[in-house]
């Protein structure tokens, strides 16, 4: 047995002796793929971090399985007649982990931090908010410069999480060292590349639905090793099961598989304008990127690497979504067209470095792409690395192309803009198209569902032409858990909500 594998499965949690009359501690051990970045809602940008936030930091409202928004820290919200103000009614009796009562002033301080703090990555999500007003102790009003329909979805995620002002005013950008929020679990410790530990917060406003005393998130990038840990009893649950392992879970009476169509997608993001690494035919010429897309077969990727469980796609929204542009169906593979486009660009062969996360699925997807693209004239070098390191490199512009895995949001704007809007902190390739920005701005202001769908169809048409990213497929979330775990409800955003869950 290799040493890495042995270390991954040989980490039991020691059972301590119970005092007389004490109840046993209920611990939920979750295996996750990705190492979180900073545990600060203002700074976080990884899917791995959102698992910790979901346990630690409640939002103003949360996403339900049917993709509606349901109350969490807010009990009601209402747009003004002109859609330029959003009035939010806050829940009574909410206490933060440091004992701070949640008031309208606490909420205002959080939203102002997200809007303006130097360390905040939430500025783009709240771009339209010009003021946060305290109406009374339980009411805040957000004033907007223009209608901005995606705001509700943004406030159902990190931009709507409420943390302790006393802590972030004291620590600023170092808030992640002592994160204090308002969720069902409070932070205990973090060991990088290994685990994050949280314990039940007794003052939680919805404590009756919390049946677990402690939650431990274990960072195990290899999906096969995560499954071995689950089978060995070292984990109670895992996220992002490899599609190739779904049959093993279905065939094990001690385990249970839960699946749900996801809002997320994988795409090849391209460095088009960020530093010297963008100065290549692939970065400069949309024809070369179109040739690359024509060289790949999304259906083959799905069948070979994903067991046919995912949804091949050339857009960010699912084909069943009203925001899917039906005028742009998913194209098939066309090697002859790929070669013709390269010839048109006066090229015969193109070298390309493709950066991916060091996970079996992403590496296999990249290797399939590498083989298919070679037939059309692309010499692809696959470079795999740890997720946070990859993001740091892309932030510096040190990449040509990379496979991005986005967990997805309920609003189409956040799925499209995250990687290619000019003001997005995750627009690592620095794509900047005036036509795209104008179309995106119009779509964001539209609140009528039919007109909004038409507006995003135009947005989709532009990025499908420019190809600053090439979507590959929409994700199906695969969760595996021990039969002793009950009460889990899957939501299309792929996050694990521990409220209601039990470990027998």
Protein backbone atom coordinates (compact mmCIF):
# COMPACT_ATOMS: atom_id res chain seq x y z
CA UNK A 1 0.00 0.00 0.00
CA UNK A 2 1.49 3.38 -0.90
CA UNK A 3 2.10 5.81 1.94
CA UNK A 4 -0.33 8.49 0.73
CA UNK A 5 -3.15 5.97 0.48
CA UNK A 6 -2.37 4.54 3.91
CA UNK A 7 -2.36 7.98 5.49
CA UNK A 8 -5.71 8.78 3.93
CA UNK A 9 -7.50 5.82 5.49
CA UNK A 10 -5.67 5.60 8.80
CA UNK A 11 -7.08 8.64 10.55
CA UNK A 12 -9.72 7.37 13.01
CA UNK A 13 -11.39 9.80 15.36
CA UNK A 14 -10.63 8.63 18.88
CA UNK A 15 -13.60 7.86 21.10
CA UNK A 16 -13.22 9.54 24.47
CA UNK A 17 -14.68 8.03 27.63
CA UNK A 18 -18.05 9.48 28.60
CA UNK A 19 -18.73 11.04 31.95
CA UNK A 20 -21.47 9.43 34.01
CA UNK A 21 -24.85 10.32 32.53
CA UNK A 22 -23.33 12.04 29.49
CA UNK A 23 -24.75 11.47 26.04
CA UNK A 24 -22.46 10.26 23.23
CA UNK A 25 -21.27 12.96 20.85
CA UNK A 26 -22.76 12.77 17.38
CA UNK A 27 -20.10 13.49 14.76
CA UNK A 28 -20.69 13.88 11.02
CA UNK A 29 -17.50 13.30 8.99
CA UNK A 30 -17.73 14.60 5.43
CA UNK A 31 -15.16 13.87 2.74
CA UNK A 32 -14.80 16.66 0.20
CA UNK A 33 -12.67 17.01 -2.88
CA UNK A 34 -11.43 20.57 -2.79
CA UNK A 35 -9.32 22.42 -0.25
CA UNK A 36 -11.10 25.68 0.68
CA UNK A 37 -9.35 28.98 0.27
CA UNK A 38 -9.91 31.73 2.87
CA UNK A 39 -12.75 31.04 5.34
CA UNK A 40 -14.11 34.54 4.93
CA UNK A 41 -17.36 35.18 3.01
CA UNK A 42 -15.88 38.43 1.72
CA UNK A 43 -12.84 36.72 0.21
CA UNK A 44 -13.81 33.12 -0.54
CA UNK A 45 -13.88 31.94 -4.13
CA UNK A 46 -13.79 28.13 -4.04
CA UNK A 47 -16.51 25.51 -4.06
CA UNK A 48 -14.68 23.73 -1.24
CA UNK A 49 -15.03 26.80 0.91
CA UNK A 50 -18.78 26.94 0.36
CA UNK A 51 -19.20 23.62 2.24
CA UNK A 52 -17.66 25.17 5.34
CA UNK A 53 -19.68 28.36 4.91
CA UNK A 54 -22.95 26.41 4.58
CA UNK A 55 -22.37 24.94 8.04
CA UNK A 56 -20.89 28.07 9.62
CA UNK A 57 -22.56 31.11 8.04
CA UNK A 58 -26.30 31.49 7.44
CA UNK A 59 -27.44 33.71 4.57
CA UNK A 60 -30.31 36.16 4.32
CA UNK A 61 -32.15 33.46 2.37
CA UNK A 62 -31.23 30.01 1.11
CA UNK A 63 -31.83 28.01 -2.04
CA UNK A 64 -34.51 25.29 -1.90
CA UNK A 65 -34.45 22.02 -3.89
CA UNK A 66 -37.01 23.50 -6.32
CA UNK A 67 -34.64 26.50 -6.88
CA UNK A 68 -36.92 28.92 -5.03
CA UNK A 69 -35.52 31.11 -2.27
CA UNK A 70 -36.57 30.28 1.27
CA UNK A 71 -36.16 32.45 4.39
CA UNK A 72 -33.11 32.04 6.56
CA UNK A 73 -31.84 35.12 8.41
CA UNK A 74 -34.48 37.20 6.62
CA UNK A 75 -38.16 36.33 6.83
CA UNK A 76 -39.36 38.50 3.94
CA UNK A 77 -38.07 40.69 1.11
CA UNK A 78 -39.83 42.94 -1.37
CA UNK A 79 -38.86 44.95 -4.45
CA UNK A 80 -40.06 48.51 -4.89
CA UNK A 81 -42.38 49.23 -7.80
CA UNK A 82 -39.48 50.49 -9.94
CA UNK A 83 -37.17 47.59 -8.87
CA UNK A 84 -34.61 50.09 -7.58
CA UNK A 85 -34.92 49.23 -3.89
CA UNK A 86 -35.11 45.95 -1.97
CA UNK A 87 -36.59 46.00 1.54
CA UNK A 88 -35.56 43.10 3.79
CA UNK A 89 -37.28 42.04 7.01
CA UNK A 90 -34.91 40.28 9.43
CA UNK A 91 -35.60 37.34 11.69
CA UNK A 92 -35.95 38.03 15.40
CA UNK A 93 -33.88 36.17 17.99
CA UNK A 94 -30.76 35.48 15.90
CA UNK A 95 -27.46 35.46 17.79
CA UNK A 96 -24.00 35.27 16.23
CA UNK A 97 -21.39 32.86 17.54
CA UNK A 98 -19.74 35.55 19.70
CA UNK A 99 -23.06 36.47 21.32
CA UNK A 100 -23.75 39.50 19.12
CA UNK A 101 -27.49 39.91 18.40
CA UNK A 102 -28.27 40.20 14.70
CA UNK A 103 -29.79 43.62 14.06
CA UNK A 104 -30.30 45.73 10.97
CA UNK A 105 -27.08 47.58 11.83
CA UNK A 106 -25.15 44.28 11.92
CA UNK A 107 -26.54 43.37 8.50
CA UNK A 108 -25.73 46.83 7.15
CA UNK A 109 -22.12 46.54 8.37
CA UNK A 110 -21.73 43.19 6.59
CA UNK A 111 -23.17 44.41 3.30
CA UNK A 112 -21.04 47.56 3.42
CA UNK A 113 -17.97 45.40 3.95
CA UNK A 114 -18.87 43.27 0.94
CA UNK A 115 -19.46 46.43 -1.14
CA UNK A 116 -16.31 48.34 -0.26
CA UNK A 117 -13.66 46.56 1.85
CA UNK A 118 -10.30 46.23 0.05
CA UNK A 119 -10.28 42.48 0.69
CA UNK A 120 -13.82 41.88 -0.60
CA UNK A 121 -14.43 39.76 -3.69
CA UNK A 122 -18.17 40.42 -3.47
CA UNK A 123 -18.07 43.91 -4.99
CA UNK A 124 -19.19 42.73 -8.42
CA UNK A 125 -22.17 40.84 -6.98
CA UNK A 126 -23.38 44.02 -5.25
CA UNK A 127 -22.33 46.37 -8.04
CA UNK A 128 -25.76 47.96 -8.35
CA UNK A 129 -26.22 48.69 -4.62
CA UNK A 130 -25.53 52.36 -3.91
CA UNK A 131 -26.67 52.46 -0.27
CA UNK A 132 -27.70 50.17 2.58
CA UNK A 133 -30.20 51.91 4.84
CA UNK A 134 -31.31 50.91 8.34
CA UNK A 135 -35.08 51.42 8.45
CA UNK A 136 -35.52 50.04 11.97
CA UNK A 137 -33.96 47.32 14.15
CA UNK A 138 -35.35 44.54 11.94
CA UNK A 139 -35.49 46.18 8.52
CA UNK A 140 -32.86 47.17 5.98
CA UNK A 141 -33.34 48.70 2.56
CA UNK A 142 -30.92 48.27 -0.32
CA UNK A 143 -30.96 51.18 -2.77
CA UNK A 144 -29.92 50.35 -6.34
CA UNK A 145 -28.58 52.50 -9.15
CA UNK A 146 -30.65 50.47 -11.62
CA UNK A 147 -32.70 47.26 -11.52
CA UNK A 148 -30.45 44.25 -10.95
CA UNK A 149 -32.36 40.96 -11.07
CA UNK A 150 -29.37 38.73 -10.06
CA UNK A 151 -29.20 40.40 -6.63
CA UNK A 152 -31.55 37.87 -4.99
CA UNK A 153 -29.32 34.98 -6.03
CA UNK A 154 -26.20 36.80 -4.82
CA UNK A 155 -27.76 37.33 -1.38
CA UNK A 156 -28.54 33.61 -1.17
CA UNK A 157 -24.80 32.96 -1.16
CA UNK A 158 -21.66 34.55 0.29
CA UNK A 159 -22.80 38.15 -0.30
CA UNK A 160 -25.75 37.43 2.00
CA UNK A 161 -23.81 35.77 4.84
CA UNK A 162 -23.79 37.60 8.16
CA UNK A 163 -20.60 37.58 10.21
CA UNK A 164 -19.57 39.36 13.40
CA UNK A 165 -18.72 43.05 12.76
CA UNK A 166 -16.62 43.10 15.93
CA UNK A 167 -14.37 40.42 14.46
CA UNK A 168 -14.05 41.66 10.88
CA UNK A 169 -13.56 45.24 12.06
CA UNK A 170 -10.76 44.03 14.32
CA UNK A 171 -9.10 41.62 11.90
CA UNK A 172 -9.98 43.02 8.47
CA UNK A 173 -8.44 40.81 5.79
CA UNK A 174 -7.39 38.33 8.51
CA UNK A 175 -10.99 37.50 9.46
CA UNK A 176 -10.41 33.98 8.13
CA UNK A 177 -8.11 33.26 11.09
CA UNK A 178 -11.00 33.57 13.57
CA UNK A 179 -14.21 33.33 11.51
CA UNK A 180 -17.36 34.13 13.51
CA UNK A 181 -20.71 33.82 11.77
CA UNK A 182 -24.35 32.94 12.46
CA UNK A 183 -24.85 29.37 11.25
CA UNK A 184 -25.59 26.10 13.06
CA UNK A 185 -21.90 25.32 13.67
CA UNK A 186 -19.04 27.45 14.94
CA UNK A 187 -15.42 27.22 13.90
CA UNK A 188 -13.01 25.16 16.02
CA UNK A 189 -9.89 24.50 13.95
CA UNK A 190 -8.42 24.08 10.50
CA UNK A 191 -5.48 21.89 9.51
CA UNK A 192 -4.52 22.78 5.94
CA UNK A 193 -4.85 19.97 3.39
CA UNK A 194 -6.47 17.78 6.05
CA UNK A 195 -9.56 18.92 7.96
CA UNK A 196 -11.85 21.68 9.20
CA UNK A 197 -13.61 21.05 12.51
CA UNK A 198 -16.77 22.79 13.76
CA UNK A 199 -19.02 22.23 16.75
CA UNK A 200 -22.71 22.80 17.29
CA UNK A 201 -23.65 26.35 18.28
CA UNK A 202 -26.16 26.08 21.15
CA UNK A 203 -27.55 29.56 20.51
CA UNK A 204 -28.54 28.83 16.91
CA UNK A 205 -31.98 30.21 16.03
CA UNK A 206 -33.08 26.91 14.42
CA UNK A 207 -31.37 24.60 16.93
CA UNK A 208 -34.27 22.10 16.96
CA UNK A 209 -33.25 21.00 13.46
CA UNK A 210 -29.58 20.43 14.32
CA UNK A 211 -29.01 16.82 15.45
CA UNK A 212 -25.21 16.65 15.07
CA UNK A 213 -22.80 17.87 17.76
CA UNK A 214 -19.71 18.16 15.61
CA UNK A 215 -18.90 18.21 11.90
CA UNK A 216 -15.51 17.39 10.43
CA UNK A 217 -14.75 18.21 6.80
CA UNK A 218 -11.91 16.04 5.48
CA UNK A 219 -10.06 17.23 2.38
CA UNK A 220 -9.35 14.17 0.20
CA UNK A 221 -8.79 15.15 -3.47
CA UNK A 222 -8.80 11.59 -4.84
CA UNK A 223 -12.40 10.40 -5.22
CA UNK A 224 -11.42 6.73 -4.98
CA UNK A 225 -9.66 7.32 -1.66
CA UNK A 226 -12.72 9.22 -0.40
CA UNK A 227 -14.84 6.20 -1.21
CA UNK A 228 -12.39 3.80 0.49
CA UNK A 229 -12.58 5.98 3.62
CA UNK A 230 -16.38 5.80 3.50
CA UNK A 231 -16.36 2.03 3.06
CA UNK A 232 -13.88 1.69 5.95
CA UNK A 233 -16.07 3.74 8.28
CA UNK A 234 -13.65 6.69 8.48
CA UNK A 235 -16.22 8.95 6.78
CA UNK A 236 -19.98 9.16 7.11
CA UNK A 237 -20.58 10.95 3.82
CA UNK A 238 -18.78 12.26 0.78
CA UNK A 239 -19.50 14.73 -1.98
CA UNK A 240 -18.53 14.56 -5.64
CA UNK A 241 -18.39 10.80 -5.96
CA UNK A 242 -16.64 9.77 -9.15
CA UNK A 243 -19.22 8.66 -11.75
CA UNK A 244 -17.17 5.49 -12.26
CA UNK A 245 -17.77 4.58 -8.60
CA UNK A 246 -21.54 5.06 -8.62
CA UNK A 247 -22.10 1.34 -9.32
CA UNK A 248 -19.97 0.36 -6.33
CA UNK A 249 -22.11 2.46 -4.01
CA UNK A 250 -25.37 1.17 -5.46
CA UNK A 251 -24.15 -2.39 -4.92
CA UNK A 252 -23.13 -1.91 -1.29
CA UNK A 253 -25.93 -2.48 1.23
CA UNK A 254 -24.09 -0.39 3.81
CA UNK A 255 -24.03 2.67 1.56
CA UNK A 256 -26.55 4.91 -0.15
CA UNK A 257 -26.28 7.03 -3.30
CA UNK A 258 -28.16 10.32 -3.72
CA UNK A 259 -28.05 12.21 -7.02
CA UNK A 260 -29.50 15.45 -8.31
CA UNK A 261 -29.07 17.47 -11.52
CA UNK A 262 -26.72 20.33 -10.78
CA UNK A 263 -26.58 24.01 -11.60
CA UNK A 264 -22.83 23.76 -12.11
CA UNK A 265 -20.75 23.18 -15.19
CA UNK A 266 -17.22 22.53 -16.38
CA UNK A 267 -15.68 24.77 -19.02
CA UNK A 268 -12.32 25.45 -20.59
CA UNK A 269 -11.40 28.99 -19.59
CA UNK A 270 -8.99 30.78 -21.88
CA UNK A 271 -6.41 33.45 -21.19
CA UNK A 272 -7.23 36.03 -23.86
CA UNK A 273 -5.68 39.23 -22.47
CA UNK A 274 -3.80 38.56 -19.21
CA UNK A 275 -0.06 38.94 -19.68
CA UNK A 276 2.47 37.14 -21.90
CA UNK A 277 0.77 33.75 -21.65
CA UNK A 278 -2.17 35.20 -23.60
CA UNK A 279 0.08 36.12 -26.52
CA UNK A 280 -0.49 32.90 -28.45
CA UNK A 281 -2.66 32.00 -31.45
CA UNK A 282 -5.04 30.29 -29.02
CA UNK A 283 -5.37 33.37 -26.84
CA UNK A 284 -5.51 35.93 -29.67
CA UNK A 285 -7.65 34.32 -32.37
CA UNK A 286 -11.28 33.16 -31.88
CA UNK A 287 -10.93 31.01 -35.02
CA UNK A 288 -8.28 28.91 -33.29
CA UNK A 289 -10.53 28.46 -30.27
CA UNK A 290 -13.41 27.53 -32.55
CA UNK A 291 -11.15 24.95 -34.20
CA UNK A 292 -10.34 23.50 -30.79
CA UNK A 293 -14.03 23.22 -29.93
CA UNK A 294 -14.74 21.52 -33.25
CA UNK A 295 -12.03 18.96 -32.46
CA UNK A 296 -13.70 17.68 -29.28
CA UNK A 297 -16.72 15.46 -28.76
CA UNK A 298 -18.64 16.29 -25.60
CA UNK A 299 -20.67 13.07 -25.81
CA UNK A 300 -17.49 10.97 -25.81
CA UNK A 301 -16.23 12.88 -22.76
CA UNK A 302 -19.51 12.19 -20.97
CA UNK A 303 -19.60 8.49 -21.83
CA UNK A 304 -15.93 7.68 -21.21
CA UNK A 305 -15.07 9.87 -18.21
CA UNK A 306 -18.49 10.47 -16.66
CA UNK A 307 -20.34 7.19 -17.18
CA UNK A 308 -22.97 9.05 -19.21
CA UNK A 309 -24.30 10.67 -16.00
CA UNK A 310 -23.59 14.32 -16.84
CA UNK A 311 -25.13 16.62 -19.49
CA UNK A 312 -22.95 17.58 -22.49
CA UNK A 313 -23.41 21.29 -23.14
CA UNK A 314 -21.98 24.29 -24.97
CA UNK A 315 -23.68 26.79 -22.63
CA UNK A 316 -23.70 27.46 -18.92
CA UNK A 317 -27.43 26.76 -18.48
CA UNK A 318 -28.96 23.30 -18.70
CA UNK A 319 -30.78 22.52 -21.98
CA UNK A 320 -33.99 22.35 -19.92
CA UNK A 321 -33.52 25.89 -18.60
CA UNK A 322 -35.57 28.77 -20.07
CA UNK A 323 -32.21 30.57 -20.39
CA UNK A 324 -30.71 27.96 -22.72
CA UNK A 325 -30.29 29.47 -26.20
CA UNK A 326 -32.04 26.93 -28.44
CA UNK A 327 -30.61 28.61 -31.54
CA UNK A 328 -27.18 27.31 -30.48
CA UNK A 329 -27.55 23.54 -30.03
CA UNK A 330 -24.63 21.51 -28.75
CA UNK A 331 -22.35 20.92 -31.76
CA UNK A 332 -20.92 17.54 -32.69
CA UNK A 333 -17.30 16.84 -33.42
CA UNK A 334 -16.04 18.05 -36.82
CA UNK A 335 -12.31 17.45 -37.35
CA UNK A 336 -12.44 18.65 -40.96
CA UNK A 337 -13.89 21.99 -39.86
CA UNK A 338 -11.25 22.25 -37.13
CA UNK A 339 -8.45 21.79 -39.67
CA UNK A 340 -10.08 24.25 -42.06
CA UNK A 341 -10.30 26.92 -39.33
CA UNK A 342 -6.63 26.44 -38.49
CA UNK A 343 -5.73 26.73 -42.16
CA UNK A 344 -7.77 29.93 -42.36
CA UNK A 345 -5.69 31.24 -39.45
CA UNK A 346 -2.51 30.26 -41.35
CA UNK A 347 -1.69 27.54 -38.84
CA UNK A 348 -1.04 23.83 -39.15
CA UNK A 349 -0.31 22.83 -35.56
CA UNK A 350 -0.90 24.73 -32.31
CA UNK A 351 0.74 24.12 -28.95
CA UNK A 352 -1.48 24.53 -25.91
CA UNK A 353 -0.97 24.06 -22.18
CA UNK A 354 -4.16 22.94 -20.39
CA UNK A 355 -4.24 23.39 -16.62
CA UNK A 356 -6.56 21.16 -14.55
CA UNK A 357 -7.20 20.23 -10.95
CA UNK A 358 -5.29 17.19 -9.77
CA UNK A 359 -8.37 14.99 -9.54
CA UNK A 360 -8.98 11.75 -11.43
CA UNK A 361 -12.04 13.12 -13.22
CA UNK A 362 -10.49 16.37 -14.43
CA UNK A 363 -7.27 14.66 -15.48
CA UNK A 364 -9.19 12.01 -17.43
CA UNK A 365 -11.36 14.65 -19.13
CA UNK A 366 -8.23 16.58 -20.06
CA UNK A 367 -6.52 13.50 -21.47
CA UNK A 368 -9.55 12.69 -23.63
CA UNK A 369 -9.52 16.26 -24.93
CA UNK A 370 -5.78 15.98 -25.52
CA UNK A 371 -6.22 12.88 -27.68
CA UNK A 372 -9.12 14.26 -29.72
CA UNK A 373 -7.49 17.67 -30.27
CA UNK A 374 -4.28 16.06 -31.51
CA UNK A 375 -6.12 14.69 -34.55
CA UNK A 376 -7.07 18.23 -35.57
CA UNK A 377 -3.63 19.82 -35.13
CA UNK A 378 -3.38 20.70 -31.42
CA UNK A 379 -0.47 19.55 -29.28
CA UNK A 380 -1.97 19.76 -25.80
CA UNK A 381 0.17 19.47 -22.70
CA UNK A 382 -1.89 18.66 -19.59
CA UNK A 383 -0.67 20.20 -16.33
CA UNK A 384 -2.44 19.13 -13.14
CA UNK A 385 -2.17 20.85 -9.79
CA UNK A 386 -3.91 21.48 -6.49
CA UNK A 387 -7.01 23.68 -6.89
CA UNK A 388 -5.95 26.65 -4.76
CA UNK A 389 -2.49 26.72 -6.41
CA UNK A 390 -4.14 26.63 -9.83
CA UNK A 391 -6.35 29.58 -8.92
CA UNK A 392 -3.36 31.55 -7.66
CA UNK A 393 -1.53 30.90 -10.93
CA UNK A 394 -4.55 31.93 -13.02
CA UNK A 395 -4.99 35.06 -10.93
CA UNK A 396 -1.45 36.01 -11.96
CA UNK A 397 -2.15 35.18 -15.62
CA UNK A 398 0.23 32.22 -15.54
CA UNK A 399 -1.80 29.93 -17.77
CA UNK A 400 -3.02 29.54 -21.35
CA UNK A 401 -6.19 27.53 -20.73
CA UNK A 402 -7.68 25.66 -17.81
CA UNK A 403 -10.70 23.54 -16.95
CA UNK A 404 -12.92 25.46 -14.53
CA UNK A 405 -15.52 23.71 -12.39
CA UNK A 406 -18.28 26.11 -11.34
CA UNK A 407 -20.79 24.89 -8.76
CA UNK A 408 -23.58 26.97 -10.28
CA UNK A 409 -26.14 29.50 -9.13
CA UNK A 410 -29.91 29.78 -9.48
CA UNK A 411 -29.60 32.89 -11.65
CA UNK A 412 -28.09 32.71 -15.16
CA UNK A 413 -26.15 35.91 -14.71
CA UNK A 414 -23.91 34.52 -12.00
CA UNK A 415 -23.17 31.41 -14.08
CA UNK A 416 -22.13 33.46 -17.09
CA UNK A 417 -20.49 36.48 -15.52
CA UNK A 418 -18.29 34.70 -12.97
CA UNK A 419 -15.56 33.86 -15.49
CA UNK A 420 -15.97 36.40 -18.28
CA UNK A 421 -17.59 39.63 -17.01
CA UNK A 422 -15.06 42.46 -17.04
CA UNK A 423 -15.54 43.23 -13.34
CA UNK A 424 -15.52 39.64 -12.05
CA UNK A 425 -12.59 38.78 -9.79
CA UNK A 426 -12.57 35.31 -11.41
CA UNK A 427 -12.22 36.66 -14.94
CA UNK A 428 -8.68 35.36 -14.88
CA UNK A 429 -8.22 35.59 -18.65
CA UNK A 430 -9.25 39.29 -18.69
CA UNK A 431 -11.79 38.86 -21.49
CA UNK A 432 -13.31 42.28 -22.16
CA UNK A 433 -15.82 42.78 -24.95
CA UNK A 434 -17.87 46.02 -25.13
CA UNK A 435 -20.65 44.16 -26.99
CA UNK A 436 -20.76 41.45 -24.35
CA UNK A 437 -20.77 43.97 -21.48
CA UNK A 438 -23.59 45.96 -23.08
CA UNK A 439 -25.72 42.84 -23.62
CA UNK A 440 -25.01 41.61 -20.10
CA UNK A 441 -25.97 44.96 -18.61
CA UNK A 442 -29.32 44.95 -20.42
CA UNK A 443 -30.03 41.38 -19.31
CA UNK A 444 -29.29 42.23 -15.68
CA UNK A 445 -31.83 45.05 -15.66
CA UNK A 446 -34.64 42.97 -17.17
CA UNK A 447 -37.10 41.46 -14.69
CA UNK A 448 -39.76 40.12 -17.08
CA UNK A 449 -38.97 36.37 -17.51
CA UNK A 450 -39.65 36.22 -21.27
CA UNK A 451 -37.71 39.36 -22.13
CA UNK A 452 -34.97 38.32 -19.73
CA UNK A 453 -34.56 34.96 -21.50
CA UNK A 454 -34.23 36.77 -24.84
CA UNK A 455 -31.63 39.12 -23.36
CA UNK A 456 -29.48 36.26 -22.06
CA UNK A 457 -29.81 34.50 -25.42
CA UNK A 458 -27.95 37.46 -26.91
CA UNK A 459 -25.31 37.23 -24.18
CA UNK A 460 -24.86 33.52 -24.90
CA UNK A 461 -24.55 34.18 -28.63
CA UNK A 462 -21.70 36.64 -28.06
CA UNK A 463 -19.60 34.41 -25.80
CA UNK A 464 -20.22 31.44 -28.11
CA UNK A 465 -18.73 33.51 -30.93
CA UNK A 466 -15.79 34.99 -29.02
CA UNK A 467 -15.17 31.79 -27.02
CA UNK A 468 -13.37 33.21 -23.98
CA UNK A 469 -14.56 29.95 -22.43
CA UNK A 470 -15.76 26.68 -23.93
CA UNK A 471 -18.41 24.94 -21.77
CA UNK A 472 -18.13 21.15 -21.74
CA UNK A 473 -20.92 19.72 -19.59
CA UNK A 474 -23.34 20.37 -16.74
CA UNK A 475 -22.69 18.50 -13.53
CA UNK A 476 -24.82 15.84 -11.87
CA UNK A 477 -24.15 15.88 -8.13
CA UNK A 478 -23.34 12.46 -6.70
CA UNK A 479 -23.38 12.03 -2.91
CA UNK A 480 -22.51 8.78 -1.16
CA UNK A 481 -23.21 8.13 2.52
CA UNK A 482 -23.34 5.39 5.09
CA UNK A 483 -26.76 3.92 5.73
CA UNK A 484 -26.55 5.27 9.30
CA UNK A 485 -26.89 8.81 7.91
CA UNK A 486 -30.42 10.11 7.44
CA UNK A 487 -32.19 13.37 6.72
CA UNK A 488 -30.00 14.58 3.85
CA UNK A 489 -31.83 16.55 1.15
CA UNK A 490 -29.96 17.21 -2.10
CA UNK A 491 -30.13 20.71 -3.59
CA UNK A 492 -28.99 21.52 -7.16
CA UNK A 493 -26.22 23.81 -5.91
CA UNK A 494 -24.39 20.70 -4.66
CA UNK A 495 -23.94 21.91 -1.06
CA UNK A 496 -24.60 19.87 2.08
CA UNK A 497 -27.08 21.41 4.51
CA UNK A 498 -26.65 19.64 7.84
CA UNK A 499 -29.90 20.90 9.35
CA UNK A 500 -32.20 17.89 9.66
CA UNK A 501 -29.43 15.32 9.24
CA UNK A 502 -28.73 12.57 11.80
CA UNK A 503 -25.96 10.04 12.31
CA UNK A 504 -27.22 6.92 14.08
